[in-house]
Protein backbone atom coordinates (compact mmCIF):
# COMPACT_ATOMS: atom_id res chain seq x y z
CA UNK A 1 169.85 169.66 213.64
CA UNK A 2 167.20 170.75 216.16
CA UNK A 3 169.95 171.63 218.61
CA UNK A 4 171.64 173.79 215.96
CA UNK A 5 168.36 175.57 215.25
CA UNK A 6 167.91 176.11 218.98
CA UNK A 7 171.32 177.82 219.02
CA UNK A 8 169.80 180.65 217.00
CA UNK A 9 167.50 181.55 219.88
CA UNK A 10 170.25 181.22 222.50
CA UNK A 11 172.06 184.25 221.08
CA UNK A 12 170.15 187.43 222.03
CA UNK A 13 171.29 189.52 219.06
CA UNK A 14 170.67 186.77 216.47
CA UNK A 15 167.32 185.94 218.08
CA UNK A 16 166.23 189.57 217.77
CA UNK A 17 167.31 189.68 214.13
CA UNK A 18 165.44 186.50 213.22
CA UNK A 19 162.25 187.51 215.05
CA UNK A 20 162.45 191.01 213.56
CA UNK A 21 162.74 189.52 210.06
CA UNK A 22 159.82 187.14 210.63
CA UNK A 23 157.72 190.01 211.96
CA UNK A 24 158.31 192.20 208.90
CA UNK A 25 157.65 189.27 206.57
CA UNK A 26 154.33 188.76 208.39
CA UNK A 27 153.51 192.43 207.80
CA UNK A 28 154.34 191.96 204.12
CA UNK A 29 151.97 189.02 203.89
CA UNK A 30 149.28 190.99 205.72
CA UNK A 31 149.32 193.52 202.90
CA UNK A 32 148.48 190.70 200.48
CA UNK A 33 144.94 190.68 201.91
CA UNK A 34 144.22 194.41 201.60
CA UNK A 35 142.72 195.01 198.13
CA UNK A 36 142.76 198.26 196.21
CA UNK A 37 139.34 199.97 196.49
CA UNK A 38 137.06 199.78 193.47
CA UNK A 39 138.27 196.51 191.91
CA UNK A 40 136.26 193.38 191.15
CA UNK A 41 138.62 190.80 192.64
CA UNK A 42 136.76 187.78 191.22
CA UNK A 43 136.98 188.92 187.59
CA UNK A 44 140.60 189.93 188.02
CA UNK A 45 141.53 186.56 189.56
CA UNK A 46 139.72 184.79 186.71
CA UNK A 47 141.71 186.80 184.18
CA UNK A 48 145.00 185.86 185.88
CA UNK A 49 144.04 182.19 186.07
CA UNK A 50 143.55 182.21 182.32
CA UNK A 51 147.01 183.74 181.82
CA UNK A 52 148.93 181.97 184.60
CA UNK A 53 151.35 180.39 182.13
CA UNK A 54 152.32 183.67 180.50
CA UNK A 55 154.59 186.52 181.55
CA UNK A 56 151.62 187.86 183.50
CA UNK A 57 152.01 184.83 185.75
CA UNK A 58 155.72 185.57 186.09
CA UNK A 59 155.04 189.17 187.16
CA UNK A 60 152.44 187.90 189.63
CA UNK A 61 155.03 185.41 190.89
CA UNK A 62 157.49 188.17 191.81
CA UNK A 63 154.73 190.19 193.49
CA UNK A 64 153.84 187.23 195.71
CA UNK A 65 150.37 186.80 194.19
CA UNK A 66 149.44 190.39 195.04
CA UNK A 67 148.96 191.47 191.43
CA UNK A 68 146.18 188.97 190.76
CA UNK A 69 144.25 190.48 193.69
CA UNK A 70 145.45 194.05 193.01
CA UNK A 71 146.30 194.51 196.66
CA UNK A 72 148.18 197.49 198.07
CA UNK A 73 151.42 195.57 197.39
CA UNK A 74 150.48 194.65 193.81
CA UNK A 75 153.62 196.12 192.22
CA UNK A 76 155.89 194.25 194.63
CA UNK A 77 159.56 195.20 194.55
CA UNK A 78 159.87 195.29 190.76
CA UNK A 79 160.08 199.13 190.61
CA UNK A 80 162.91 199.05 193.17
CA UNK A 81 164.77 196.37 191.22
CA UNK A 82 164.38 198.37 188.00
CA UNK A 83 165.64 201.53 189.71
CA UNK A 84 168.62 199.62 191.11
CA UNK A 85 169.46 198.35 187.62
CA UNK A 86 169.32 201.90 186.25
CA UNK A 87 171.74 203.27 188.85
CA UNK A 88 174.11 200.32 188.62
CA UNK A 89 174.32 200.85 184.87
CA UNK A 90 174.86 204.58 185.37
CA UNK A 91 177.75 203.98 187.77
CA UNK A 92 179.56 202.24 184.89
CA UNK A 93 178.87 204.75 182.09
CA UNK A 94 178.52 208.02 184.06
CA UNK A 95 181.82 209.06 185.65
CA UNK A 96 180.48 211.54 188.30
CA UNK A 97 178.19 208.82 189.67
CA UNK A 98 181.07 206.35 189.70
CA UNK A 99 183.19 208.80 191.71
CA UNK A 100 180.30 209.32 194.11
CA UNK A 101 180.08 205.57 194.67
CA UNK A 102 183.79 205.47 195.56
CA UNK A 103 183.40 208.13 198.25
CA UNK A 104 182.39 205.54 200.79
CA UNK A 105 179.33 205.41 202.99
CA UNK A 106 178.24 208.99 202.24
CA UNK A 107 178.29 208.41 198.49
CA UNK A 108 176.39 205.14 198.77
CA UNK A 109 173.74 206.82 200.89
CA UNK A 110 173.19 209.47 198.24
CA UNK A 111 172.84 206.84 195.51
CA UNK A 112 170.43 204.89 197.71
CA UNK A 113 168.35 208.01 198.27
CA UNK A 114 168.19 208.71 194.53
CA UNK A 115 167.24 205.07 193.95
CA UNK A 116 164.29 205.53 196.27
CA UNK A 117 163.11 208.60 194.37
CA UNK A 118 163.33 206.77 191.03
CA UNK A 119 161.50 203.79 192.57
CA UNK A 120 158.57 206.01 193.53
CA UNK A 121 158.59 207.57 190.04
CA UNK A 122 158.57 204.14 188.36
CA UNK A 123 155.79 203.00 190.71
CA UNK A 124 153.68 205.99 189.64
CA UNK A 125 154.24 205.19 185.97
CA UNK A 126 153.54 201.46 186.33
CA UNK A 127 150.49 201.94 188.55
CA UNK A 128 149.14 204.48 186.05
CA UNK A 129 149.55 201.93 183.26
CA UNK A 130 147.72 199.29 185.31
CA UNK A 131 144.90 201.67 186.25
CA UNK A 132 144.37 202.85 182.67
CA UNK A 133 144.48 199.26 181.38
CA UNK A 134 141.84 198.12 183.85
CA UNK A 135 139.52 201.01 183.03
CA UNK A 136 139.79 200.57 179.26
CA UNK A 137 136.91 198.93 177.47
CA UNK A 138 139.16 196.49 175.65
CA UNK A 139 140.58 194.95 178.84
CA UNK A 140 137.24 194.52 180.53
CA UNK A 141 135.84 197.57 182.33
CA UNK A 142 133.59 195.48 184.66
CA UNK A 143 136.75 194.80 186.67
CA UNK A 144 136.40 198.37 188.01
CA UNK A 145 133.31 198.90 190.16
CA UNK A 146 133.62 202.65 190.76
CA UNK A 147 133.94 205.73 188.59
CA UNK A 148 136.96 205.57 186.29
CA UNK A 149 137.92 209.15 187.09
CA UNK A 150 138.04 208.24 190.78
CA UNK A 151 139.65 204.83 190.33
CA UNK A 152 142.74 205.94 188.40
CA UNK A 153 144.18 208.40 190.99
CA UNK A 154 143.09 206.12 193.84
CA UNK A 155 144.84 203.13 192.26
CA UNK A 156 148.01 205.13 191.54
CA UNK A 157 148.16 206.49 195.11
CA UNK A 158 147.51 203.07 196.67
CA UNK A 159 150.00 201.07 194.59
CA UNK A 160 152.74 203.72 194.82
CA UNK A 161 152.39 203.93 198.60
CA UNK A 162 152.48 200.14 198.83
CA UNK A 163 155.68 200.01 196.77
CA UNK A 164 157.35 202.62 198.97
CA UNK A 165 156.36 200.63 202.07
CA UNK A 166 157.73 197.39 200.59
CA UNK A 167 160.99 199.18 199.81
CA UNK A 168 161.20 200.29 203.44
CA UNK A 169 160.48 196.73 204.65
CA UNK A 170 163.28 195.32 202.49
CA UNK A 171 165.79 197.89 203.71
CA UNK A 172 164.87 197.27 207.34
CA UNK A 173 165.32 193.51 206.93
CA UNK A 174 168.73 194.10 205.32
CA UNK A 175 169.94 196.49 208.02
CA UNK A 176 168.31 195.16 211.19
CA UNK A 177 167.33 191.63 210.19
CA UNK A 178 169.31 188.73 208.76
CA UNK A 179 170.06 190.47 205.44
CA UNK A 180 168.94 190.00 201.82
CA UNK A 181 165.74 191.95 202.47
CA UNK A 182 164.54 192.27 198.87
CA UNK A 183 165.38 188.66 198.03
CA UNK A 184 163.57 187.43 201.15
CA UNK A 185 160.43 189.32 200.12
CA UNK A 186 160.45 187.59 196.73
CA UNK A 187 161.20 184.28 198.45
CA UNK A 188 158.22 184.72 200.78
CA UNK A 189 155.89 185.57 197.91
CA UNK A 190 156.86 182.41 196.02
CA UNK A 191 156.74 180.07 199.01
CA UNK A 192 153.26 181.14 200.10
CA UNK A 193 152.06 180.46 196.55
CA UNK A 194 153.32 176.88 196.48
CA UNK A 195 150.12 175.44 198.01
CA UNK A 196 148.13 177.08 195.21
CA UNK A 197 150.54 175.57 192.67
CA UNK A 198 150.18 172.12 194.26
CA UNK A 199 146.40 172.48 194.19
CA UNK A 200 146.55 173.43 190.52
CA UNK A 201 148.66 170.35 189.80
CA UNK A 202 146.23 168.17 191.77
CA UNK A 203 143.30 169.48 189.72
CA UNK A 204 145.12 168.66 186.48
CA UNK A 205 145.78 165.12 187.71
CA UNK A 206 142.21 164.69 188.90
CA UNK A 207 140.77 165.93 185.61
CA UNK A 208 143.30 163.91 183.59
CA UNK A 209 144.34 167.14 181.85
CA UNK A 210 147.12 165.48 179.82
CA UNK A 211 145.20 162.39 178.84
CA UNK A 212 146.87 159.01 179.05
CA UNK A 213 150.24 160.69 179.69
CA UNK A 214 149.07 162.35 182.92
CA UNK A 215 150.77 159.91 185.38
CA UNK A 216 154.01 159.99 183.35
CA UNK A 217 153.90 163.81 183.14
CA UNK A 218 153.50 164.11 186.93
CA UNK A 219 156.41 161.74 187.57
CA UNK A 220 158.62 163.66 185.12
CA UNK A 221 157.62 166.94 186.76
CA UNK A 222 158.42 165.77 190.31
CA UNK A 223 161.68 164.09 189.32
CA UNK A 224 162.62 167.17 187.29
CA UNK A 225 162.03 169.45 190.29
CA UNK A 226 164.21 167.27 192.52
CA UNK A 227 166.94 167.15 189.87
CA UNK A 228 166.80 170.92 189.37
CA UNK A 229 167.08 171.55 193.13
CA UNK A 230 170.07 169.20 193.37
CA UNK A 231 171.69 170.84 190.36
CA UNK A 232 171.17 174.32 191.82
CA UNK A 233 172.71 173.33 195.16
CA UNK A 234 175.68 171.70 193.40
CA UNK A 235 176.47 174.70 191.19
CA UNK A 236 175.85 177.30 193.92
CA UNK A 237 178.42 175.52 196.10
CA UNK A 238 180.93 175.16 193.26
CA UNK A 239 183.93 177.47 193.11
CA UNK A 240 187.22 177.87 191.29
CA UNK A 241 190.12 178.05 193.76
CA UNK A 242 193.18 179.96 192.60
CA UNK A 243 196.28 179.07 194.70
CA UNK A 244 197.98 182.05 196.35
CA UNK A 245 201.42 181.95 198.00
CA UNK A 246 202.58 184.64 200.44
CA UNK A 247 206.32 185.28 200.59
CA UNK A 248 208.14 185.38 203.91
CA UNK A 249 209.04 188.83 205.20
CA UNK A 250 210.50 190.19 208.43
CA UNK A 251 208.37 192.65 210.42
CA UNK A 252 210.36 193.86 213.44
CA UNK A 253 211.80 190.71 214.94
CA UNK A 254 209.12 188.38 213.62
CA UNK A 255 208.96 186.36 210.44
CA UNK A 256 205.61 186.97 208.70
CA UNK A 257 203.98 185.23 205.76
CA UNK A 258 205.10 182.08 204.06
CA UNK A 259 201.72 180.41 204.10
CA UNK A 260 199.75 179.03 201.16
CA UNK A 261 196.06 179.81 200.66
CA UNK A 262 193.62 180.16 197.79
CA UNK A 263 191.37 182.76 196.20
CA UNK A 264 187.83 181.29 195.89
CA UNK A 265 185.82 182.37 192.84
CA UNK A 266 182.23 181.14 192.81
CA UNK A 267 180.89 179.77 189.55
CA UNK A 268 177.70 181.78 190.02
CA UNK A 269 178.78 184.85 191.93
CA UNK A 270 175.68 186.82 190.93
CA UNK A 271 173.28 184.30 192.45
CA UNK A 272 169.68 184.85 191.37
CA UNK A 273 170.16 188.55 190.59
CA UNK A 274 170.80 188.17 186.81
CA UNK A 275 167.55 186.22 186.43
CA UNK A 276 165.60 188.73 188.54
CA UNK A 277 167.07 191.65 186.58
CA UNK A 278 166.30 190.02 183.22
CA UNK A 279 162.76 189.13 184.27
CA UNK A 280 162.22 192.66 185.55
CA UNK A 281 163.27 194.18 182.22
CA UNK A 282 161.07 191.82 180.19
CA UNK A 283 158.04 192.48 182.41
CA UNK A 284 157.95 196.17 181.41
CA UNK A 285 156.31 195.63 177.96
CA UNK A 286 153.60 193.53 179.60
CA UNK A 287 152.61 196.32 181.97
CA UNK A 288 152.40 198.93 179.22
CA UNK A 289 150.94 196.75 176.48
CA UNK A 290 147.37 197.37 177.64
CA UNK A 291 147.67 201.16 177.83
CA UNK A 292 145.35 202.88 175.35
CA UNK A 293 146.91 204.70 172.41
CA UNK A 294 144.29 206.99 170.87
CA UNK A 295 141.56 204.64 172.04
CA UNK A 296 143.41 201.40 171.23
CA UNK A 297 145.78 199.39 173.48
CA UNK A 298 149.41 199.47 172.37
CA UNK A 299 149.48 195.74 171.74
CA UNK A 300 146.62 196.12 169.25
CA UNK A 301 148.02 199.03 167.22
CA UNK A 302 149.38 198.40 163.73
CA UNK A 303 152.90 199.56 164.63
CA UNK A 304 153.41 198.10 168.13
CA UNK A 305 151.18 195.05 167.63
CA UNK A 306 153.76 192.87 165.78
CA UNK A 307 156.46 193.91 168.27
CA UNK A 308 154.38 192.89 171.29
CA UNK A 309 153.43 189.67 169.54
CA UNK A 310 157.07 188.69 168.93
CA UNK A 311 158.23 189.51 172.47
CA UNK A 312 155.32 187.72 174.12
CA UNK A 313 156.25 184.96 176.60
CA UNK A 314 157.24 181.60 175.09
CA UNK A 315 157.95 183.23 171.75
CA UNK A 316 161.47 182.56 170.36
CA UNK A 317 162.33 186.28 170.31
CA UNK A 318 161.30 186.64 173.97
CA UNK A 319 163.45 183.70 175.02
CA UNK A 320 166.40 185.00 172.95
CA UNK A 321 166.21 188.40 174.65
CA UNK A 322 165.90 186.63 178.00
CA UNK A 323 169.08 184.61 177.32
CA UNK A 324 171.04 187.68 176.22
CA UNK A 325 169.82 189.63 179.26
CA UNK A 326 170.91 186.88 181.67
CA UNK A 327 174.40 186.76 180.13
CA UNK A 328 174.68 190.56 180.20
CA UNK A 329 173.59 190.94 183.82
CA UNK A 330 175.78 188.01 184.92
CA UNK A 331 178.87 189.82 183.60
CA UNK A 332 177.59 193.21 184.71
CA UNK A 333 176.97 192.05 188.28
CA UNK A 334 180.37 190.39 188.61
CA UNK A 335 182.06 193.54 187.26
CA UNK A 336 180.52 195.52 190.13
CA UNK A 337 181.12 193.16 193.06
CA UNK A 338 184.49 191.76 191.94
CA UNK A 339 187.41 193.97 190.82
CA UNK A 340 190.56 192.11 189.67
CA UNK A 341 192.59 195.35 189.87
CA UNK A 342 191.97 195.74 193.58
CA UNK A 343 192.65 192.07 194.27
CA UNK A 344 195.96 192.14 192.38
CA UNK A 345 197.06 195.32 194.18
CA UNK A 346 196.19 193.95 197.61
CA UNK A 347 198.03 190.71 196.91
CA UNK A 348 201.15 192.64 195.85
CA UNK A 349 201.02 194.90 198.92
CA UNK A 350 201.00 191.94 201.28
CA UNK A 351 203.59 189.90 199.40
CA UNK A 352 201.17 187.49 197.80
CA UNK A 353 201.44 185.99 194.33
CA UNK A 354 199.89 183.27 192.20
CA UNK A 355 202.49 180.54 191.45
CA UNK A 356 203.71 180.95 187.88
CA UNK A 357 202.06 184.36 187.43
CA UNK A 358 203.99 187.62 187.77
CA UNK A 359 202.47 190.07 190.32
CA UNK A 360 200.75 193.20 189.05
CA UNK A 361 199.13 193.39 185.62
CA UNK A 362 199.76 189.72 184.84
CA UNK A 363 197.93 188.70 188.01
CA UNK A 364 195.07 191.06 187.19
CA UNK A 365 194.76 189.65 183.66
CA UNK A 366 194.89 186.07 184.92
CA UNK A 367 192.12 186.65 187.49
CA UNK A 368 190.07 188.51 184.88
CA UNK A 369 190.42 185.62 182.39
CA UNK A 370 189.34 183.07 185.01
CA UNK A 371 186.38 185.26 185.98
CA UNK A 372 185.34 185.61 182.34
CA UNK A 373 185.30 181.86 181.81
CA UNK A 374 183.53 180.84 185.01
CA UNK A 375 180.98 183.67 184.66
CA UNK A 376 180.05 182.31 181.24
CA UNK A 377 179.58 178.88 182.82
CA UNK A 378 177.43 180.45 185.54
CA UNK A 379 175.34 182.31 182.95
CA UNK A 380 174.78 179.09 180.96
CA UNK A 381 173.73 177.39 184.20
CA UNK A 382 171.17 180.14 184.86
CA UNK A 383 169.87 179.85 181.28
CA UNK A 384 169.45 176.08 181.59
CA UNK A 385 167.66 176.37 184.92
CA UNK A 386 165.34 179.06 183.54
CA UNK A 387 164.57 177.58 180.11
CA UNK A 388 164.46 173.81 180.50
CA UNK A 389 161.41 173.89 182.82
CA UNK A 390 159.85 176.48 180.49
CA UNK A 391 159.95 173.93 177.69
CA UNK A 392 157.87 171.60 179.86
CA UNK A 393 155.62 174.19 181.49
CA UNK A 394 154.64 176.72 178.83
CA UNK A 395 156.71 175.55 175.87
CA UNK A 396 158.55 177.64 173.31
CA UNK A 397 156.55 178.38 170.17
CA UNK A 398 159.13 177.34 167.60
CA UNK A 399 156.25 176.66 165.23
CA UNK A 400 155.89 180.45 164.87
CA UNK A 401 159.34 180.76 163.31
CA UNK A 402 159.56 181.84 159.70
CA UNK A 403 160.26 179.12 157.12
CA UNK A 404 161.10 176.33 159.61
CA UNK A 405 157.91 176.77 161.68
CA UNK A 406 155.91 174.05 159.83
CA UNK A 407 158.53 171.47 160.84
CA UNK A 408 157.69 172.02 164.53
CA UNK A 409 153.94 171.78 163.82
CA UNK A 410 154.42 168.05 163.30
CA UNK A 411 155.67 167.59 166.87
CA UNK A 412 153.31 166.77 169.78
CA UNK A 413 151.37 169.75 171.13
CA UNK A 414 152.93 169.58 174.59
CA UNK A 415 156.40 170.15 173.09
CA UNK A 416 155.45 173.58 171.67
CA UNK A 417 152.71 174.60 174.12
CA UNK A 418 153.99 172.89 177.28
CA UNK A 419 152.03 171.11 179.96
CA UNK A 420 150.34 174.26 181.26
CA UNK A 421 151.63 173.82 184.82
CA UNK A 422 151.75 176.85 187.10
CA UNK A 423 154.89 179.02 187.23
CA UNK A 424 155.53 177.94 190.83
CA UNK A 425 157.14 174.79 189.45
CA UNK A 426 159.34 176.66 186.99
CA UNK A 427 163.09 176.97 187.00
CA UNK A 428 163.01 180.68 187.87
CA UNK A 429 160.96 180.15 191.02
CA UNK A 430 163.01 177.14 192.13
CA UNK A 431 166.23 179.04 191.49
CA UNK A 432 165.08 181.98 193.60
CA UNK A 433 163.74 179.80 196.43
CA UNK A 434 166.81 177.56 196.66
CA UNK A 435 169.30 180.40 196.11
CA UNK A 436 167.79 182.73 198.69
CA UNK A 437 167.36 179.88 201.18
CA UNK A 438 171.03 178.93 200.84
CA UNK A 439 172.16 182.55 201.23
CA UNK A 440 169.99 183.01 204.32
CA UNK A 441 171.26 179.80 205.93
CA UNK A 442 174.83 180.89 205.18
CA UNK A 443 174.23 184.28 206.81
CA UNK A 444 172.79 182.68 209.94
CA UNK A 445 175.58 180.11 210.01
CA UNK A 446 178.26 182.80 209.85
CA UNK A 447 176.61 184.53 212.81
CA UNK A 448 176.62 181.25 214.77
CA UNK A 449 180.26 180.43 214.00
CA UNK A 450 181.34 183.98 214.85
CA UNK A 451 179.88 183.44 218.32
CA UNK A 452 181.55 179.99 218.60
CA UNK A 453 178.40 177.91 218.01
CA UNK A 454 178.00 174.97 215.65
CA UNK A 455 176.71 175.82 212.19
CA UNK A 456 174.28 173.87 210.02
CA UNK A 457 176.79 172.21 207.68
CA UNK A 458 178.94 169.24 208.77
CA UNK A 459 182.20 171.15 208.07
CA UNK A 460 181.26 174.04 210.33
CA UNK A 461 181.80 174.10 214.04
CA UNK A 462 183.35 175.93 216.95
CA UNK A 463 186.67 177.63 216.50
CA UNK A 464 189.55 175.46 217.64
CA UNK A 465 190.84 176.28 221.07
CA UNK A 466 187.41 177.22 222.42
CA UNK A 467 185.80 175.13 225.08
CA UNK A 468 182.16 174.15 224.98
CA UNK A 469 180.26 174.87 228.16
């Protein structure tokens, strides 16, 4: 294994890409220690510690812990993800934008440029909501140590600039690094927070936070994490292979084709993106819930108050919306990256066919049916990974349901309120960490194999016919 890792640094181009990526990730982490001027970091950190098991902890998770310190990178890449969702939806429902996307590199560059503009606009809106919430009396004005009139524009300018810089970092890692720039930034933010999560778990064990069940709860948590990681690796590697046969044809004086192959369809083609998209959408109400509405925060008004209460984290309505959003984005993502029409046309052009299926529309319908079924399986897998740990960590408040709520009140408290463990041990964080790590290793491995070096997996290796020197 060490020899395979050393191969990375033997290839000049791959070595430059890896070192370039590590350098930009170090710059990203450096921004986590530059606070926004005029904020009381101790009071803000105390507030986040009290709400670490809520959606506020989830938003802080995606920002790499920057939100709890209100650093220059406090918004993280959430505005960029939201802007990307907006434009991906528009390419489906808005025909001129769909045509622009099909124009090739020039069209994609225009869409990317517009995505950047919308990202900055969303960053301005979100940073304004944060600044106004922090300066309001109801959310604790002592958190702001300077004049409110000065703090609001300063906070908006700082956070918006930080978001634009993070967007640039992610794009540079994707183009000049090892790829997956945005995902790697989220991955880095979660990984650096793991020591804090372990410390939090240690404190709970030391203080016997769960009473006599503390040792059993820790064992279940550790075993559950290992099982979740193994389950993620198993499903991420799973694929449905559709057999494809190519007919023999004569090209010039040569006989071409005749070989059998397969069309691999991954069970979870969208990876962690459906979960990230769903979490990004559900984090929007949290950011705007503290904004004053005629002197009162939105979450405390008579009209919006019940709505914010029902869509709060761990509430049944919140989890239901989360499930629906994951299913929607799983199908939406696969509809963008995988087009059965194009696959069926390419197979017909090159004399390929699926045994027992007529080429053309029948092949397209068959591939579409298979994609529909395995995408549903992948969406259910993402839901299980995201919700099962939530039941143990923060719980789902079924006791708040109408009519049947009293039945759940008779259950133990930890079943409805969870164990109160940090989000770093949740299914969402584990899914992102394992998924991004596997994608990154696969990218590096493909670079190694392309240059005739051994990869990381046992099945990889040098191309046959090449000599090792």
